[in-house]
Amino acid sequence: MAKLVFGMNQSLDGYVDHTAFAPGPTLFRHFIKEAQGQAGSVYGRRMYEIMRYWDDDHPEWNAEERAFAAAWRNQPKWVVSRSLKAVGPNARLAEGDLAGAIREIKDECDGEIEVAGPDLAHSLTKLGLIDEYRIYLHPVVLGHGRPYFAGPRPPLRLIAGDRIDEDVIRLTYVPA
């Protein structure tokens, strides 16, 4: 059975915003290894549309960006959406009720499945389906934006904290 993991970059004041701050080279290499080892990813519509950027090659990419794109393209993706009728390569719509669809995905796979996006993570948290939360804490204060926890913070227990690069700490929590 797969483990669902919600992990995102977060500002000190609790926000996620891919346009406000980005991973440095060390953290980006960490994310490449993560993507290479994942059994797949579950996306909400908005996050999936952002990540579709990696479907197309861009001539300005460096070797790390090409490696991330290859890892992202190779892994299965499930997209939770009421509005999308079709999805791109190596992706399929997660249909039916959310809890049943995600339980089926977890039962069919082994390894870690990334949950991408705070709104989807909130829905899956309420259903008790997220097994682990990874906060990549950056020394940035945004003062606004989308919060990492889209609703009330669930009861969590810290199981690990490690420095990923010079400025970023990964905090790993499980449901308490």
N, C-alpha and C. Protein backbone atom coordinates (compact mmCIF):
# COMPACT_ATOMS: atom_id res chain seq x y z
N MET A 1 0.84 -1.18 0.00
CA MET A 1 0.00 0.00 0.00
C MET A 1 0.89 1.24 0.00
N ALA A 2 0.50 2.23 -0.78
CA ALA A 2 1.27 3.46 -0.90
C ALA A 2 1.04 4.38 0.29
N LYS A 3 1.99 5.27 0.47
CA LYS A 3 1.92 6.30 1.51
C LYS A 3 1.71 7.64 0.82
N LEU A 4 0.67 8.39 1.24
CA LEU A 4 0.42 9.72 0.68
C LEU A 4 1.21 10.75 1.47
N VAL A 5 1.99 11.57 0.75
CA VAL A 5 2.86 12.57 1.37
C VAL A 5 2.55 13.93 0.77
N PHE A 6 2.20 14.88 1.64
CA PHE A 6 1.99 16.27 1.20
C PHE A 6 3.21 17.07 1.62
N GLY A 7 3.96 17.54 0.63
CA GLY A 7 5.14 18.33 0.91
C GLY A 7 5.24 19.52 -0.02
N MET A 8 5.49 20.68 0.56
CA MET A 8 5.63 21.90 -0.25
C MET A 8 6.59 22.87 0.42
N ASN A 9 7.11 23.79 -0.39
CA ASN A 9 7.88 24.91 0.14
C ASN A 9 6.92 25.83 0.88
N GLN A 10 7.38 26.34 2.02
CA GLN A 10 6.53 27.21 2.83
C GLN A 10 7.36 28.37 3.36
N SER A 11 6.73 29.53 3.42
CA SER A 11 7.37 30.71 4.02
C SER A 11 7.30 30.58 5.54
N LEU A 12 8.06 31.41 6.23
CA LEU A 12 8.03 31.40 7.70
C LEU A 12 6.64 31.69 8.25
N ASP A 13 5.86 32.47 7.51
CA ASP A 13 4.52 32.80 7.98
C ASP A 13 3.44 31.89 7.41
N GLY A 14 3.85 30.74 6.85
CA GLY A 14 2.89 29.69 6.53
C GLY A 14 2.31 29.67 5.14
N TYR A 15 2.88 30.44 4.20
CA TYR A 15 2.31 30.49 2.85
C TYR A 15 3.13 29.71 1.83
N VAL A 16 2.43 29.24 0.80
CA VAL A 16 3.07 28.58 -0.33
C VAL A 16 2.80 29.44 -1.56
N ASP A 17 3.85 29.72 -2.33
CA ASP A 17 3.69 30.54 -3.53
C ASP A 17 4.91 30.33 -4.41
N HIS A 18 4.73 29.55 -5.46
CA HIS A 18 5.87 29.23 -6.34
C HIS A 18 6.41 30.45 -7.07
N THR A 19 5.66 31.56 -7.10
CA THR A 19 6.15 32.76 -7.77
C THR A 19 6.91 33.68 -6.82
N ALA A 20 6.76 33.50 -5.51
CA ALA A 20 7.39 34.40 -4.54
C ALA A 20 8.77 33.95 -4.10
N PHE A 21 9.00 32.65 -4.10
CA PHE A 21 10.33 32.12 -3.77
C PHE A 21 10.46 30.74 -4.39
N ALA A 22 11.68 30.40 -4.73
CA ALA A 22 11.92 29.15 -5.44
C ALA A 22 13.05 28.39 -4.75
N PRO A 23 13.13 27.08 -4.98
CA PRO A 23 14.22 26.31 -4.40
C PRO A 23 15.55 26.69 -5.03
N GLY A 24 16.59 26.72 -4.20
CA GLY A 24 17.94 26.91 -4.71
C GLY A 24 18.43 25.62 -5.34
N PRO A 25 19.66 25.61 -5.86
CA PRO A 25 20.18 24.43 -6.56
C PRO A 25 20.19 23.15 -5.73
N THR A 26 20.58 23.24 -4.46
CA THR A 26 20.65 22.04 -3.61
C THR A 26 19.26 21.47 -3.38
N LEU A 27 18.31 22.33 -3.05
CA LEU A 27 16.94 21.88 -2.81
C LEU A 27 16.32 21.35 -4.10
N PHE A 28 16.60 21.99 -5.22
CA PHE A 28 16.06 21.51 -6.49
C PHE A 28 16.57 20.11 -6.79
N ARG A 29 17.85 19.85 -6.54
CA ARG A 29 18.39 18.49 -6.74
C ARG A 29 17.69 17.50 -5.80
N HIS A 30 17.40 17.94 -4.58
CA HIS A 30 16.65 17.11 -3.64
C HIS A 30 15.28 16.75 -4.23
N PHE A 31 14.61 17.73 -4.81
CA PHE A 31 13.29 17.48 -5.40
C PHE A 31 13.38 16.56 -6.62
N ILE A 32 14.47 16.63 -7.37
CA ILE A 32 14.66 15.70 -8.49
C ILE A 32 14.71 14.27 -7.96
N LYS A 33 15.52 14.05 -6.91
CA LYS A 33 15.62 12.70 -6.33
C LYS A 33 14.27 12.24 -5.79
N GLU A 34 13.55 13.15 -5.15
CA GLU A 34 12.22 12.81 -4.64
C GLU A 34 11.32 12.36 -5.80
N ALA A 35 11.28 13.15 -6.86
CA ALA A 35 10.42 12.83 -8.01
C ALA A 35 10.82 11.51 -8.65
N GLN A 36 12.11 11.25 -8.73
CA GLN A 36 12.59 9.99 -9.32
C GLN A 36 12.16 8.78 -8.49
N GLY A 37 12.00 8.95 -7.19
CA GLY A 37 11.66 7.84 -6.32
C GLY A 37 10.18 7.68 -6.02
N GLN A 38 9.36 8.62 -6.44
CA GLN A 38 7.94 8.56 -6.12
C GLN A 38 7.20 7.55 -6.99
N ALA A 39 6.17 6.97 -6.41
CA ALA A 39 5.31 6.05 -7.15
C ALA A 39 4.31 6.82 -8.01
N GLY A 40 4.17 8.11 -7.77
CA GLY A 40 3.25 8.94 -8.54
C GLY A 40 2.90 10.20 -7.78
N SER A 41 2.00 10.97 -8.37
CA SER A 41 1.54 12.22 -7.78
C SER A 41 0.05 12.37 -7.96
N VAL A 42 -0.59 12.96 -6.96
CA VAL A 42 -2.01 13.30 -7.03
C VAL A 42 -2.10 14.82 -7.01
N TYR A 43 -2.78 15.36 -8.00
CA TYR A 43 -2.88 16.81 -8.17
C TYR A 43 -4.32 17.27 -8.14
N GLY A 44 -4.53 18.46 -7.60
CA GLY A 44 -5.74 19.21 -7.84
C GLY A 44 -5.58 19.90 -9.19
N ARG A 45 -6.66 20.43 -9.72
CA ARG A 45 -6.61 21.04 -11.05
C ARG A 45 -5.60 22.17 -11.14
N ARG A 46 -5.64 23.11 -10.20
CA ARG A 46 -4.75 24.28 -10.29
C ARG A 46 -3.28 23.88 -10.27
N MET A 47 -2.90 23.02 -9.34
CA MET A 47 -1.50 22.62 -9.24
C MET A 47 -1.09 21.79 -10.47
N TYR A 48 -2.00 20.97 -10.97
CA TYR A 48 -1.68 20.20 -12.17
C TYR A 48 -1.42 21.14 -13.35
N GLU A 49 -2.24 22.15 -13.50
CA GLU A 49 -2.04 23.09 -14.61
C GLU A 49 -0.71 23.83 -14.48
N ILE A 50 -0.28 24.15 -13.27
CA ILE A 50 1.04 24.77 -13.06
C ILE A 50 2.14 23.79 -13.45
N MET A 51 2.01 22.54 -12.99
CA MET A 51 3.06 21.55 -13.22
C MET A 51 3.12 21.08 -14.68
N ARG A 52 2.09 21.29 -15.46
CA ARG A 52 2.12 20.92 -16.89
C ARG A 52 3.25 21.62 -17.62
N TYR A 53 3.79 22.65 -17.03
CA TYR A 53 4.98 23.33 -17.58
C TYR A 53 6.06 22.32 -17.93
N TRP A 54 6.20 21.27 -17.12
CA TRP A 54 7.26 20.27 -17.29
C TRP A 54 6.98 19.29 -18.41
N ASP A 55 5.80 19.34 -19.02
CA ASP A 55 5.49 18.45 -20.14
C ASP A 55 6.22 18.84 -21.42
N ASP A 56 6.55 20.10 -21.56
CA ASP A 56 7.18 20.59 -22.78
C ASP A 56 8.65 20.91 -22.52
N ASP A 57 9.50 20.55 -23.47
CA ASP A 57 10.92 20.91 -23.36
C ASP A 57 11.10 22.40 -23.61
N HIS A 58 12.05 22.98 -22.88
CA HIS A 58 12.37 24.40 -23.04
C HIS A 58 13.87 24.50 -23.29
N PRO A 59 14.27 25.17 -24.37
CA PRO A 59 15.69 25.20 -24.74
C PRO A 59 16.58 25.85 -23.68
N GLU A 60 16.04 26.70 -22.85
CA GLU A 60 16.85 27.39 -21.83
C GLU A 60 17.10 26.54 -20.58
N TRP A 61 16.52 25.36 -20.49
CA TRP A 61 16.69 24.52 -19.31
C TRP A 61 18.13 24.06 -19.16
N ASN A 62 18.53 23.95 -17.89
CA ASN A 62 19.84 23.36 -17.59
C ASN A 62 19.65 21.85 -17.36
N ALA A 63 20.72 21.15 -17.03
CA ALA A 63 20.67 19.69 -16.87
C ALA A 63 19.71 19.29 -15.74
N GLU A 64 19.71 20.04 -14.63
CA GLU A 64 18.81 19.70 -13.52
C GLU A 64 17.35 19.86 -13.92
N GLU A 65 17.04 20.91 -14.63
CA GLU A 65 15.65 21.11 -15.05
C GLU A 65 15.21 20.00 -16.01
N ARG A 66 16.09 19.59 -16.90
CA ARG A 66 15.75 18.47 -17.80
C ARG A 66 15.57 17.18 -17.00
N ALA A 67 16.39 16.97 -15.97
CA ALA A 67 16.27 15.77 -15.13
C ALA A 67 14.94 15.78 -14.37
N PHE A 68 14.55 16.94 -13.84
CA PHE A 68 13.27 17.01 -13.14
C PHE A 68 12.13 16.74 -14.10
N ALA A 69 12.18 17.36 -15.28
CA ALA A 69 11.12 17.15 -16.27
C ALA A 69 11.00 15.67 -16.62
N ALA A 70 12.11 14.99 -16.81
CA ALA A 70 12.08 13.57 -17.15
C ALA A 70 11.45 12.75 -16.02
N ALA A 71 11.83 13.06 -14.78
CA ALA A 71 11.25 12.34 -13.63
C ALA A 71 9.76 12.62 -13.53
N TRP A 72 9.36 13.85 -13.72
CA TRP A 72 7.94 14.21 -13.62
C TRP A 72 7.13 13.53 -14.72
N ARG A 73 7.67 13.53 -15.92
CA ARG A 73 6.95 12.91 -17.05
C ARG A 73 6.81 11.41 -16.87
N ASN A 74 7.80 10.77 -16.25
CA ASN A 74 7.79 9.31 -16.12
C ASN A 74 6.83 8.80 -15.06
N GLN A 75 6.52 9.61 -14.06
CA GLN A 75 5.68 9.07 -12.99
C GLN A 75 4.20 9.20 -13.33
N PRO A 76 3.40 8.23 -12.86
CA PRO A 76 1.96 8.34 -13.06
C PRO A 76 1.41 9.53 -12.26
N LYS A 77 0.38 10.15 -12.84
CA LYS A 77 -0.25 11.29 -12.20
C LYS A 77 -1.76 11.07 -12.21
N TRP A 78 -2.39 11.39 -11.09
CA TRP A 78 -3.84 11.35 -10.98
C TRP A 78 -4.28 12.77 -10.69
N VAL A 79 -5.30 13.24 -11.40
CA VAL A 79 -5.75 14.62 -11.28
C VAL A 79 -7.19 14.61 -10.77
N VAL A 80 -7.39 15.31 -9.65
CA VAL A 80 -8.71 15.45 -9.05
C VAL A 80 -9.30 16.76 -9.57
N SER A 81 -10.35 16.66 -10.37
CA SER A 81 -10.95 17.86 -10.95
C SER A 81 -12.37 17.57 -11.37
N ARG A 82 -13.25 18.55 -11.13
CA ARG A 82 -14.62 18.45 -11.63
C ARG A 82 -14.76 19.13 -12.98
N SER A 83 -13.79 20.00 -13.33
CA SER A 83 -13.92 20.78 -14.56
C SER A 83 -13.10 20.23 -15.73
N LEU A 84 -11.98 19.58 -15.47
CA LEU A 84 -11.17 19.04 -16.57
C LEU A 84 -11.84 17.81 -17.17
N LYS A 85 -11.81 17.74 -18.47
CA LYS A 85 -12.37 16.58 -19.17
C LYS A 85 -11.27 15.66 -19.68
N ALA A 86 -10.05 16.19 -19.80
CA ALA A 86 -8.91 15.41 -20.29
C ALA A 86 -7.66 15.93 -19.61
N VAL A 87 -6.66 15.06 -19.51
CA VAL A 87 -5.37 15.43 -18.92
C VAL A 87 -4.26 14.97 -19.86
N GLY A 88 -3.05 15.41 -19.58
CA GLY A 88 -1.92 15.16 -20.46
C GLY A 88 -1.33 13.77 -20.32
N PRO A 89 -0.13 13.61 -20.88
CA PRO A 89 0.54 12.31 -20.89
C PRO A 89 0.79 11.76 -19.50
N ASN A 90 0.66 10.46 -19.38
CA ASN A 90 0.93 9.72 -18.14
C ASN A 90 0.09 10.23 -16.97
N ALA A 91 -1.09 10.74 -17.28
CA ALA A 91 -2.00 11.25 -16.25
C ALA A 91 -3.41 10.74 -16.54
N ARG A 92 -4.17 10.63 -15.47
CA ARG A 92 -5.57 10.26 -15.64
C ARG A 92 -6.39 10.98 -14.59
N LEU A 93 -7.64 11.18 -14.90
CA LEU A 93 -8.54 11.83 -13.95
C LEU A 93 -8.91 10.84 -12.86
N ALA A 94 -8.88 11.30 -11.62
CA ALA A 94 -9.34 10.49 -10.48
C ALA A 94 -10.85 10.71 -10.41
N GLU A 95 -11.59 9.69 -10.77
CA GLU A 95 -13.04 9.85 -10.88
C GLU A 95 -13.76 9.17 -9.73
N GLY A 96 -15.02 9.55 -9.57
CA GLY A 96 -15.82 9.02 -8.48
C GLY A 96 -15.64 9.85 -7.23
N ASP A 97 -16.05 9.30 -6.13
CA ASP A 97 -15.89 10.06 -4.89
C ASP A 97 -14.41 10.12 -4.51
N LEU A 98 -14.00 11.24 -3.95
CA LEU A 98 -12.59 11.49 -3.68
C LEU A 98 -11.99 10.41 -2.78
N ALA A 99 -12.65 10.10 -1.67
CA ALA A 99 -12.11 9.12 -0.74
C ALA A 99 -11.92 7.76 -1.40
N GLY A 100 -12.91 7.31 -2.15
CA GLY A 100 -12.81 6.02 -2.82
C GLY A 100 -11.72 6.00 -3.88
N ALA A 101 -11.62 7.08 -4.65
CA ALA A 101 -10.60 7.14 -5.70
C ALA A 101 -9.20 7.11 -5.10
N ILE A 102 -8.98 7.87 -4.04
CA ILE A 102 -7.65 7.93 -3.43
C ILE A 102 -7.32 6.62 -2.73
N ARG A 103 -8.28 6.02 -2.06
CA ARG A 103 -8.02 4.71 -1.42
C ARG A 103 -7.65 3.67 -2.47
N GLU A 104 -8.30 3.72 -3.62
CA GLU A 104 -7.99 2.77 -4.70
C GLU A 104 -6.56 2.99 -5.20
N ILE A 105 -6.16 4.24 -5.37
CA ILE A 105 -4.80 4.55 -5.82
C ILE A 105 -3.79 4.04 -4.79
N LYS A 106 -4.06 4.30 -3.51
CA LYS A 106 -3.15 3.84 -2.45
C LYS A 106 -3.04 2.32 -2.45
N ASP A 107 -4.16 1.64 -2.66
CA ASP A 107 -4.16 0.17 -2.67
C ASP A 107 -3.41 -0.41 -3.87
N GLU A 108 -3.45 0.27 -5.00
CA GLU A 108 -2.84 -0.24 -6.23
C GLU A 108 -1.34 -0.02 -6.30
N CYS A 109 -0.81 0.91 -5.51
CA CYS A 109 0.60 1.31 -5.63
C CYS A 109 1.39 0.96 -4.38
N ASP A 110 2.70 0.91 -4.55
CA ASP A 110 3.63 0.79 -3.44
C ASP A 110 4.55 2.00 -3.49
N GLY A 111 5.01 2.45 -2.34
CA GLY A 111 5.92 3.58 -2.29
C GLY A 111 5.20 4.86 -1.91
N GLU A 112 5.86 5.97 -2.19
CA GLU A 112 5.30 7.28 -1.83
C GLU A 112 4.58 7.90 -3.01
N ILE A 113 3.42 8.44 -2.72
CA ILE A 113 2.67 9.22 -3.70
C ILE A 113 2.57 10.64 -3.17
N GLU A 114 3.05 11.57 -3.97
CA GLU A 114 3.02 12.98 -3.61
C GLU A 114 1.60 13.51 -3.74
N VAL A 115 1.19 14.32 -2.76
CA VAL A 115 -0.05 15.09 -2.86
C VAL A 115 0.38 16.52 -3.13
N ALA A 116 -0.11 17.10 -4.22
CA ALA A 116 0.34 18.43 -4.62
C ALA A 116 -0.80 19.42 -4.54
N GLY A 117 -0.63 20.42 -3.71
CA GLY A 117 -1.58 21.51 -3.60
C GLY A 117 -2.28 21.54 -2.27
N PRO A 118 -2.34 22.72 -1.65
CA PRO A 118 -2.92 22.83 -0.31
C PRO A 118 -4.42 22.55 -0.25
N ASP A 119 -5.17 22.90 -1.28
CA ASP A 119 -6.62 22.65 -1.23
C ASP A 119 -6.92 21.16 -1.29
N LEU A 120 -6.24 20.45 -2.19
CA LEU A 120 -6.41 19.00 -2.26
C LEU A 120 -5.94 18.36 -0.96
N ALA A 121 -4.80 18.81 -0.44
CA ALA A 121 -4.29 18.26 0.82
C ALA A 121 -5.29 18.48 1.95
N HIS A 122 -5.94 19.62 1.97
CA HIS A 122 -6.95 19.90 3.00
C HIS A 122 -8.09 18.88 2.92
N SER A 123 -8.58 18.64 1.70
CA SER A 123 -9.67 17.67 1.52
C SER A 123 -9.23 16.28 1.96
N LEU A 124 -8.01 15.89 1.58
CA LEU A 124 -7.51 14.56 1.94
C LEU A 124 -7.21 14.45 3.43
N THR A 125 -6.80 15.56 4.04
CA THR A 125 -6.58 15.57 5.50
C THR A 125 -7.89 15.33 6.23
N LYS A 126 -8.94 16.02 5.79
CA LYS A 126 -10.26 15.84 6.42
C LYS A 126 -10.74 14.40 6.31
N LEU A 127 -10.33 13.71 5.25
CA LEU A 127 -10.71 12.31 5.06
C LEU A 127 -9.76 11.34 5.76
N GLY A 128 -8.70 11.88 6.39
CA GLY A 128 -7.74 11.04 7.10
C GLY A 128 -6.84 10.22 6.18
N LEU A 129 -6.57 10.72 4.98
CA LEU A 129 -5.84 9.93 3.99
C LEU A 129 -4.37 10.32 3.82
N ILE A 130 -3.94 11.45 4.37
CA ILE A 130 -2.53 11.83 4.25
C ILE A 130 -1.75 11.18 5.37
N ASP A 131 -0.66 10.52 4.97
CA ASP A 131 0.17 9.77 5.92
C ASP A 131 1.33 10.58 6.46
N GLU A 132 1.76 11.61 5.72
CA GLU A 132 2.93 12.37 6.14
C GLU A 132 2.88 13.76 5.51
N TYR A 133 3.36 14.75 6.29
CA TYR A 133 3.43 16.13 5.84
C TYR A 133 4.89 16.56 5.88
N ARG A 134 5.36 17.16 4.79
CA ARG A 134 6.74 17.66 4.74
C ARG A 134 6.71 19.14 4.42
N ILE A 135 7.16 19.91 5.38
CA ILE A 135 7.23 21.36 5.20
C ILE A 135 8.68 21.72 4.92
N TYR A 136 8.92 22.32 3.77
CA TYR A 136 10.24 22.82 3.42
C TYR A 136 10.24 24.31 3.77
N LEU A 137 10.74 24.62 4.94
CA LEU A 137 10.63 25.95 5.52
C LEU A 137 11.74 26.86 5.01
N HIS A 138 11.33 27.96 4.35
CA HIS A 138 12.26 28.94 3.78
C HIS A 138 12.27 30.20 4.64
N PRO A 139 13.41 30.90 4.73
CA PRO A 139 13.50 32.12 5.53
C PRO A 139 12.94 33.33 4.77
N VAL A 140 11.66 33.25 4.46
CA VAL A 140 10.97 34.29 3.70
C VAL A 140 9.66 34.57 4.41
N VAL A 141 9.27 35.85 4.49
CA VAL A 141 7.97 36.23 5.03
C VAL A 141 7.18 36.86 3.89
N LEU A 142 6.02 36.29 3.57
CA LEU A 142 5.22 36.79 2.45
C LEU A 142 4.11 37.73 2.90
N GLY A 143 3.49 37.42 4.03
CA GLY A 143 2.40 38.27 4.51
C GLY A 143 1.07 38.05 3.82
N HIS A 144 1.03 37.18 2.82
CA HIS A 144 -0.21 36.91 2.10
C HIS A 144 0.00 35.68 1.19
N GLY A 145 -1.09 35.21 0.63
CA GLY A 145 -1.01 34.10 -0.31
C GLY A 145 -1.82 32.91 0.13
N ARG A 146 -1.53 31.78 -0.45
CA ARG A 146 -2.23 30.54 -0.12
C ARG A 146 -1.50 29.87 1.04
N PRO A 147 -2.21 29.57 2.11
CA PRO A 147 -1.55 28.90 3.23
C PRO A 147 -1.26 27.43 2.93
N TYR A 148 -0.19 26.93 3.56
CA TYR A 148 0.16 25.51 3.44
C TYR A 148 -1.02 24.66 3.91
N PHE A 149 -1.59 25.01 5.05
CA PHE A 149 -2.79 24.33 5.55
C PHE A 149 -3.99 25.17 5.13
N ALA A 150 -4.78 24.66 4.19
CA ALA A 150 -5.91 25.39 3.64
C ALA A 150 -7.07 25.49 4.63
N GLY A 151 -7.00 24.76 5.71
CA GLY A 151 -8.02 24.80 6.75
C GLY A 151 -7.33 24.71 8.09
N PRO A 152 -8.08 24.37 9.12
CA PRO A 152 -7.45 24.22 10.42
C PRO A 152 -6.32 23.19 10.38
N ARG A 153 -5.22 23.49 11.08
CA ARG A 153 -4.10 22.55 11.11
C ARG A 153 -4.52 21.29 11.83
N PRO A 154 -4.31 20.15 11.20
CA PRO A 154 -4.66 18.89 11.86
C PRO A 154 -3.70 18.61 13.01
N PRO A 155 -4.11 17.79 13.97
CA PRO A 155 -3.16 17.40 15.02
C PRO A 155 -2.02 16.59 14.42
N LEU A 156 -0.80 17.07 14.63
CA LEU A 156 0.37 16.43 14.03
C LEU A 156 1.43 16.16 15.08
N ARG A 157 2.31 15.22 14.74
CA ARG A 157 3.45 14.88 15.58
C ARG A 157 4.71 14.98 14.73
N LEU A 158 5.68 15.76 15.20
CA LEU A 158 6.95 15.92 14.50
C LEU A 158 7.76 14.63 14.61
N ILE A 159 8.21 14.10 13.46
CA ILE A 159 9.02 12.88 13.51
C ILE A 159 10.44 13.12 13.02
N ALA A 160 10.67 14.25 12.31
CA ALA A 160 12.03 14.53 11.82
C ALA A 160 12.15 15.99 11.43
N GLY A 161 13.35 16.48 11.54
CA GLY A 161 13.70 17.80 11.07
C GLY A 161 15.12 17.73 10.55
N ASP A 162 15.33 18.17 9.33
CA ASP A 162 16.68 18.14 8.79
C ASP A 162 16.91 19.32 7.86
N ARG A 163 18.16 19.72 7.82
CA ARG A 163 18.56 20.83 6.97
C ARG A 163 18.80 20.29 5.56
N ILE A 164 18.13 20.89 4.58
CA ILE A 164 18.26 20.43 3.21
C ILE A 164 19.32 21.23 2.46
N ASP A 165 19.34 22.53 2.68
CA ASP A 165 20.41 23.35 2.14
C ASP A 165 20.71 24.47 3.14
N GLU A 166 21.47 25.43 2.74
CA GLU A 166 21.93 26.47 3.66
C GLU A 166 20.79 27.16 4.39
N ASP A 167 19.67 27.39 3.71
CA ASP A 167 18.58 28.17 4.30
C ASP A 167 17.28 27.40 4.51
N VAL A 168 17.19 26.15 4.10
CA VAL A 168 15.91 25.44 4.12
C VAL A 168 15.98 24.24 5.06
N ILE A 169 14.95 24.16 5.91
CA ILE A 169 14.80 23.05 6.84
C ILE A 169 13.54 22.28 6.44
N ARG A 170 13.67 20.95 6.40
CA ARG A 170 12.50 20.11 6.15
C ARG A 170 11.99 19.61 7.50
N LEU A 171 10.72 19.87 7.76
CA LEU A 171 10.06 19.37 8.96
C LEU A 171 9.08 18.28 8.51
N THR A 172 9.18 17.10 9.11
CA THR A 172 8.33 15.98 8.72
C THR A 172 7.40 15.63 9.87
N TYR A 173 6.11 15.62 9.56
CA TYR A 173 5.07 15.35 10.55
C TYR A 173 4.21 14.17 10.09
N VAL A 174 3.61 13.50 11.06
CA VAL A 174 2.60 12.49 10.79
C VAL A 174 1.37 12.86 11.62
N PRO A 175 0.19 12.36 11.21
CA PRO A 175 -1.00 12.63 12.01
C PRO A 175 -0.80 12.12 13.44
N ALA A 176 -1.24 12.92 14.40
CA ALA A 176 -1.10 12.55 15.82
C ALA A 176 -2.20 11.59 16.23
